[in-house]
Amino acid sequence: MKINLEKIKNEKPIKELLEFSIINIDKPTGPTSFDTDTVIKDLIGANKTSHFGTLDPMVTGVLPVALNRACRLMNYFIGHKKEYTGIMHIHEDISADKLKEQMNNFLGKITQLPPVKSRVKRQEREREIYSFEILEKHDKDILFKTEVEAGTYIRKLIHDLGEKINGAHMTELRRTKASIFQEKDSITIFQLKEAVEEYKKGNEKPIREILIPGEIISQILQVVQIKKEYSEVLYHGSHLFKEHLIENYNFKPEEKIAVFSDQKFIGVFKTIKNPKVIGLPEFVLQPIKSNNKIYK
């Protein structure tokens, strides 16, 4: 059974929707990602907000921000591909063909050392560059587009390219895609503010159009459907057994699964490796700690 996000968005009570949703924000230049979290938290009146994938203050674009219980979903989204467009300035003019030749050398697996100002430990990390292309070239200014593995530093990518062509640095950067969240579906803080103001006046429609139900996890993880009579026991920490399922599924060891009862999200479970060791039957799914209760 396919999870109908539009049906959930339109029919779930607005207070429940606000407790378990994501907002695809178009972050402006200037504020940090954490500043953006705070602004949204105050506007919505949320207890907690959390963004999926940090953007530097001067970088704009797609910044998914989870509300309240949807913050628990963060780890399932942040490890996916990111897409950016930006402008780099090359220090010595070369032809587009020669530049593209050097850019192609960065496709595939590369090794990066995080910048000095980064929050992570400075040690070399392997990242993958899926695409790196020129969109436009105006003298020494290059409009580029790249799709990369999560955790790739684009400014460092441009710097490393510059070492091959007598210098280059990034002047602008915009994220156009983060996991399944895209630029075309993003909204500004100003648009969110207007929707909240309408909601306070009794008009739910604008805020409903903005909120992305947390059930969108169904587009990231495999979905399994359970029999409705088992919902309550699973909410309270029970393992999931074959008899709970509506139909048979093929699972991989240690696979994370999104469990639903019809259109209702129960939680994220994972398959137990070698379950017979702990005296359980051959097939069993274990609730990921604290996740099962938080979505109710």
Protein backbone atom coordinates (compact mmCIF):
# COMPACT_ATOMS: atom_id res chain seq x y z
CA MET A 1 0.00 0.00 0.00
CA LYS A 2 1.38 3.38 -1.02
CA ILE A 3 1.55 6.12 1.62
CA ASN A 4 -0.60 9.05 0.44
CA LEU A 5 1.20 12.16 1.70
CA GLU A 6 -1.33 14.56 0.19
CA LYS A 7 -4.17 12.77 1.97
CA ILE A 8 -2.26 12.92 5.27
CA LYS A 9 -1.44 16.60 4.75
CA ASN A 10 -5.06 17.51 4.03
CA GLU A 11 -6.83 15.31 6.57
CA LYS A 12 -4.61 15.05 9.65
CA PRO A 13 -5.64 17.51 12.41
CA ILE A 14 -3.48 20.61 12.10
CA LYS A 15 -2.09 20.29 15.64
CA GLU A 16 -0.91 16.75 14.90
CA LEU A 17 0.57 17.92 11.61
CA LEU A 18 2.52 20.67 13.38
CA GLU A 19 3.89 18.07 15.80
CA PHE A 20 5.30 15.81 13.06
CA SER A 21 6.27 17.73 9.94
CA ILE A 22 9.17 19.16 7.97
CA ILE A 23 9.43 22.59 6.32
CA ASN A 24 11.57 22.96 3.19
CA ILE A 25 13.06 26.41 3.78
CA ASP A 26 14.94 28.48 1.23
CA LYS A 27 17.60 29.81 3.57
CA PRO A 28 18.71 33.39 2.80
CA THR A 29 22.28 34.62 2.95
CA GLY A 30 23.39 35.82 6.37
CA PRO A 31 21.82 33.73 9.13
CA THR A 32 23.30 30.42 10.22
CA SER A 33 21.31 27.23 9.88
CA PHE A 34 20.85 27.25 13.65
CA ASP A 35 19.55 30.85 13.50
CA THR A 36 17.03 29.65 10.91
CA ASP A 37 15.93 26.85 13.25
CA THR A 38 15.31 29.40 15.99
CA VAL A 39 13.32 31.74 13.74
CA ILE A 40 11.05 28.88 12.64
CA LYS A 41 10.71 27.59 16.19
CA ASP A 42 9.52 31.01 17.36
CA LEU A 43 7.18 31.51 14.40
CA ILE A 44 5.52 28.10 14.74
CA GLY A 45 5.69 27.98 18.53
CA ALA A 46 7.41 24.60 18.31
CA ASN A 47 9.09 22.92 21.27
CA LYS A 48 11.98 21.83 19.06
CA THR A 49 13.31 22.33 15.53
CA SER A 50 16.25 20.70 13.75
CA HIS A 51 17.69 21.17 10.26
CA PHE A 52 18.86 18.41 7.92
CA GLY A 53 22.37 19.32 6.73
CA THR A 54 24.04 22.56 7.81
CA LEU A 55 24.59 25.45 5.39
CA ASP A 56 27.24 28.11 5.98
CA PRO A 57 25.83 31.61 6.73
CA MET A 58 26.60 32.96 3.25
CA VAL A 59 25.22 29.90 1.46
CA THR A 60 21.57 29.98 0.40
CA GLY A 61 19.04 27.38 -0.64
CA VAL A 62 17.37 24.18 0.48
CA LEU A 63 17.37 23.71 4.26
CA PRO A 64 14.81 21.15 5.48
CA VAL A 65 13.79 21.96 9.06
CA ALA A 66 11.95 19.38 11.16
CA LEU A 67 9.36 20.29 13.77
CA ASN A 68 9.02 18.64 17.16
CA ARG A 69 8.77 14.83 16.85
CA ALA A 70 9.92 14.89 13.23
CA CYS A 71 13.38 15.86 14.53
CA ARG A 72 13.79 12.13 15.24
CA LEU A 73 13.89 11.54 11.49
CA MET A 74 17.03 13.60 10.89
CA ASN A 75 19.51 10.73 10.66
CA TYR A 76 17.52 9.05 7.89
CA PHE A 77 17.77 12.07 5.59
CA ILE A 78 21.14 13.77 6.14
CA GLY A 79 23.28 11.05 4.58
CA HIS A 80 21.82 11.41 1.09
CA LYS A 81 23.10 13.27 -1.98
CA LYS A 82 23.26 17.07 -2.18
CA GLU A 83 23.13 19.29 -5.26
CA TYR A 84 24.58 22.80 -5.57
CA THR A 85 24.97 25.60 -8.06
CA GLY A 86 27.55 28.30 -7.50
CA ILE A 87 30.01 30.77 -8.95
CA MET A 88 33.75 30.27 -8.84
CA HIS A 89 36.35 32.81 -9.88
CA ILE A 90 39.45 31.38 -11.56
CA HIS A 91 42.64 33.39 -11.06
CA GLU A 92 44.00 32.76 -14.54
CA ASP A 93 41.76 32.56 -17.58
CA ILE A 94 41.72 29.23 -19.40
CA SER A 95 39.38 27.76 -22.01
CA ALA A 96 36.14 26.09 -20.97
CA ASP A 97 37.39 22.82 -22.48
CA LYS A 98 40.59 22.80 -20.40
CA LEU A 99 38.67 23.76 -17.28
CA LYS A 100 36.14 20.99 -17.85
CA GLU A 101 38.99 18.52 -18.33
CA GLN A 102 40.36 19.43 -14.89
CA MET A 103 36.89 19.32 -13.31
CA ASN A 104 36.38 15.80 -14.67
CA ASN A 105 39.45 14.69 -12.71
CA PHE A 106 37.44 15.29 -9.51
CA LEU A 107 34.57 12.97 -10.47
CA GLY A 108 34.25 9.81 -8.40
CA LYS A 109 35.90 9.22 -5.04
CA ILE A 110 38.08 12.05 -3.72
CA THR A 111 39.80 12.75 -0.41
CA GLN A 112 39.07 15.99 1.44
CA LEU A 113 40.53 17.58 4.55
CA PRO A 114 37.79 19.66 6.24
CA PRO A 115 38.45 23.44 6.43
CA VAL A 116 40.06 24.88 9.57
CA LYS A 117 36.81 26.61 10.55
CA SER A 118 34.65 23.49 10.23
CA ARG A 119 32.97 21.95 13.28
CA VAL A 120 34.22 18.44 12.52
CA LYS A 121 37.56 16.85 13.34
CA ARG A 122 40.24 17.77 10.79
CA GLN A 123 41.12 14.44 9.28
CA GLU A 124 40.99 13.28 5.68
CA ARG A 125 37.66 11.88 4.57
CA GLU A 126 36.63 10.14 1.37
CA ARG A 127 33.69 11.67 -0.49
CA GLU A 128 32.15 11.04 -3.90
CA ILE A 129 31.52 13.65 -6.61
CA TYR A 130 28.73 12.45 -8.90
CA SER A 131 28.73 15.40 -11.32
CA PHE A 132 30.72 18.63 -11.72
CA GLU A 133 29.87 20.77 -14.74
CA ILE A 134 30.07 24.25 -16.21
CA LEU A 135 26.74 25.98 -16.80
CA GLU A 136 28.13 29.32 -18.01
CA LYS A 137 31.53 30.97 -18.38
CA HIS A 138 32.09 34.74 -18.39
CA ASP A 139 35.81 35.44 -18.55
CA LYS A 140 37.11 34.25 -15.16
CA ASP A 141 33.70 33.78 -13.54
CA ILE A 142 32.24 30.28 -13.85
CA LEU A 143 28.68 29.27 -13.04
CA PHE A 144 28.89 25.60 -12.05
CA LYS A 145 26.66 22.79 -10.88
CA THR A 146 27.65 19.76 -8.83
CA GLU A 147 26.01 16.76 -7.19
CA VAL A 148 27.96 15.31 -4.29
CA GLU A 149 27.89 12.88 -1.41
CA ALA A 150 26.65 14.32 1.87
CA GLY A 151 29.47 15.90 3.87
CA THR A 152 31.39 17.20 0.85
CA TYR A 153 32.85 20.70 1.25
CA ILE A 154 32.17 22.60 -1.98
CA ARG A 155 34.46 25.51 -1.08
CA LYS A 156 37.28 23.00 -0.55
CA LEU A 157 36.41 21.30 -3.85
CA ILE A 158 36.84 24.62 -5.67
CA HIS A 159 40.07 25.36 -3.78
CA ASP A 160 41.51 21.95 -4.70
CA LEU A 161 40.52 22.50 -8.34
CA GLY A 162 42.28 25.86 -8.16
CA GLU A 163 45.53 24.15 -7.23
CA LYS A 164 45.44 22.47 -10.66
CA ILE A 165 44.68 25.65 -12.64
CA ASN A 166 46.75 28.36 -10.91
CA GLY A 167 44.06 29.33 -8.42
CA ALA A 168 40.27 29.45 -7.97
CA HIS A 169 37.89 30.41 -5.21
CA MET A 170 34.14 30.23 -4.70
CA THR A 171 32.20 33.50 -4.61
CA GLU A 172 28.59 32.26 -4.34
CA LEU A 173 26.90 28.98 -3.50
CA ARG A 174 23.31 27.75 -3.42
CA ARG A 175 22.01 24.31 -2.45
CA THR A 176 19.31 23.20 -4.88
CA LYS A 177 18.65 19.74 -3.49
CA ALA A 178 19.14 17.96 -0.16
CA SER A 179 18.09 14.32 -0.16
CA ILE A 180 14.54 14.33 -1.59
CA PHE A 181 13.93 18.02 -0.84
CA GLN A 182 14.24 20.30 -3.86
CA GLU A 183 14.59 24.02 -4.55
CA LYS A 184 11.37 24.18 -6.58
CA ASP A 185 9.37 23.11 -3.51
CA SER A 186 11.09 25.38 -0.98
CA ILE A 187 9.53 28.43 0.67
CA THR A 188 11.01 31.58 2.19
CA ILE A 189 10.84 32.64 5.81
CA PHE A 190 8.58 35.49 4.70
CA GLN A 191 6.14 33.03 3.11
CA LEU A 192 6.15 30.95 6.27
CA LYS A 193 5.47 34.05 8.35
CA GLU A 194 2.48 34.95 6.17
CA ALA A 195 1.10 31.41 6.48
CA VAL A 196 1.45 31.46 10.26
CA GLU A 197 -0.34 34.80 10.44
CA GLU A 198 -3.22 33.35 8.39
CA TYR A 199 -3.31 30.30 10.67
CA LYS A 200 -3.64 32.56 13.71
CA LYS A 201 -6.63 34.17 12.00
CA GLY A 202 -8.26 30.77 11.57
CA ASN A 203 -7.17 29.97 8.01
CA GLU A 204 -5.27 26.64 8.03
CA LYS A 205 -4.87 26.28 4.26
CA PRO A 206 -1.55 28.17 3.71
CA ILE A 207 0.28 26.41 6.55
CA ARG A 208 -1.05 23.01 5.45
CA GLU A 209 0.37 23.63 1.97
CA ILE A 210 3.80 24.32 3.49
CA LEU A 211 4.03 21.48 6.01
CA ILE A 212 5.51 18.20 4.75
CA PRO A 213 4.19 15.29 6.85
CA GLY A 214 6.86 13.28 8.64
CA GLU A 215 5.38 10.25 6.91
CA ILE A 216 7.61 11.28 3.98
CA ILE A 217 10.07 8.86 5.62
CA SER A 218 8.21 6.36 3.43
CA GLN A 219 10.18 7.74 0.46
CA ILE A 220 13.50 7.01 2.19
CA LEU A 221 12.99 3.65 3.90
CA GLN A 222 11.23 0.47 2.85
CA VAL A 223 7.63 0.51 4.07
CA VAL A 224 5.93 -2.50 5.66
CA GLN A 225 2.29 -2.71 6.61
CA ILE A 226 1.10 -4.35 9.83
CA LYS A 227 -2.31 -5.59 10.96
CA LYS A 228 -4.12 -2.84 12.84
CA GLU A 229 -4.65 -4.91 15.98
CA TYR A 230 -0.90 -4.92 16.65
CA SER A 231 -0.40 -1.13 16.55
CA GLU A 232 -0.61 -0.57 20.29
CA VAL A 233 1.86 -3.26 21.32
CA LEU A 234 4.38 -1.96 18.78
CA TYR A 235 3.95 1.59 20.08
CA HIS A 236 4.97 0.34 23.51
CA GLY A 237 8.24 -1.28 22.47
CA SER A 238 7.30 -4.76 21.26
CA HIS A 239 9.41 -6.49 18.63
CA LEU A 240 7.73 -7.01 15.28
CA PHE A 241 7.19 -10.62 14.19
CA LYS A 242 6.08 -12.25 10.97
CA GLU A 243 2.52 -12.71 12.21
CA HIS A 244 2.20 -8.93 12.63
CA LEU A 245 2.62 -8.33 8.90
CA ILE A 246 -0.12 -8.12 6.30
CA GLU A 247 2.11 -9.75 3.67
CA ASN A 248 5.59 -11.26 3.35
CA TYR A 249 8.61 -8.99 2.83
CA ASN A 250 12.26 -9.65 2.04
CA PHE A 251 14.62 -7.99 4.53
CA LYS A 252 18.37 -7.50 4.66
CA PRO A 253 20.39 -7.87 7.89
CA GLU A 254 20.41 -4.67 9.96
CA GLU A 255 18.01 -2.99 7.51
CA LYS A 256 15.94 -0.06 8.80
CA ILE A 257 12.22 -0.30 8.03
CA ALA A 258 9.37 2.26 8.20
CA VAL A 259 6.40 0.49 9.77
CA PHE A 260 2.87 1.67 9.00
CA SER A 261 -0.66 0.64 9.85
CA ASP A 262 -2.53 1.79 6.73
CA GLN A 263 -1.56 5.52 6.53
CA LYS A 264 -0.52 5.73 10.20
CA PHE A 265 3.20 5.73 10.95
CA ILE A 266 4.18 3.40 13.78
CA GLY A 267 7.95 3.89 13.86
CA VAL A 268 11.32 2.86 12.48
CA PHE A 269 12.41 -0.72 13.16
CA LYS A 270 15.50 -2.67 12.16
CA THR A 271 16.12 -6.33 11.43
CA ILE A 272 18.11 -8.14 14.08
CA LYS A 273 21.23 -9.92 12.91
CA ASN A 274 21.37 -13.60 13.98
CA PRO A 275 18.19 -13.36 16.10
CA LYS A 276 18.45 -17.02 17.18
CA VAL A 277 21.39 -16.01 19.39
CA ILE A 278 18.98 -14.18 21.70
CA GLY A 279 16.36 -16.91 21.59
CA LEU A 280 14.03 -15.22 19.11
CA PRO A 281 12.52 -16.77 15.96
CA GLU A 282 14.33 -16.49 12.66
CA PHE A 283 12.35 -13.43 11.57
CA VAL A 284 12.17 -10.40 13.87
CA LEU A 285 12.32 -6.60 13.67
CA GLN A 286 13.45 -4.59 16.66
CA PRO A 287 12.21 -1.05 17.37
CA ILE A 288 14.98 1.51 17.20
CA LYS A 289 15.39 2.83 20.74
CA SER A 290 12.94 5.62 21.64
CA ASN A 291 11.79 6.06 18.05
CA ASN A 292 8.68 3.90 18.24
CA LYS A 293 6.98 5.88 21.02
CA ILE A 294 7.85 9.35 19.77
CA TYR A 295 5.65 9.24 16.66
CA LYS A 296 2.35 8.40 18.34
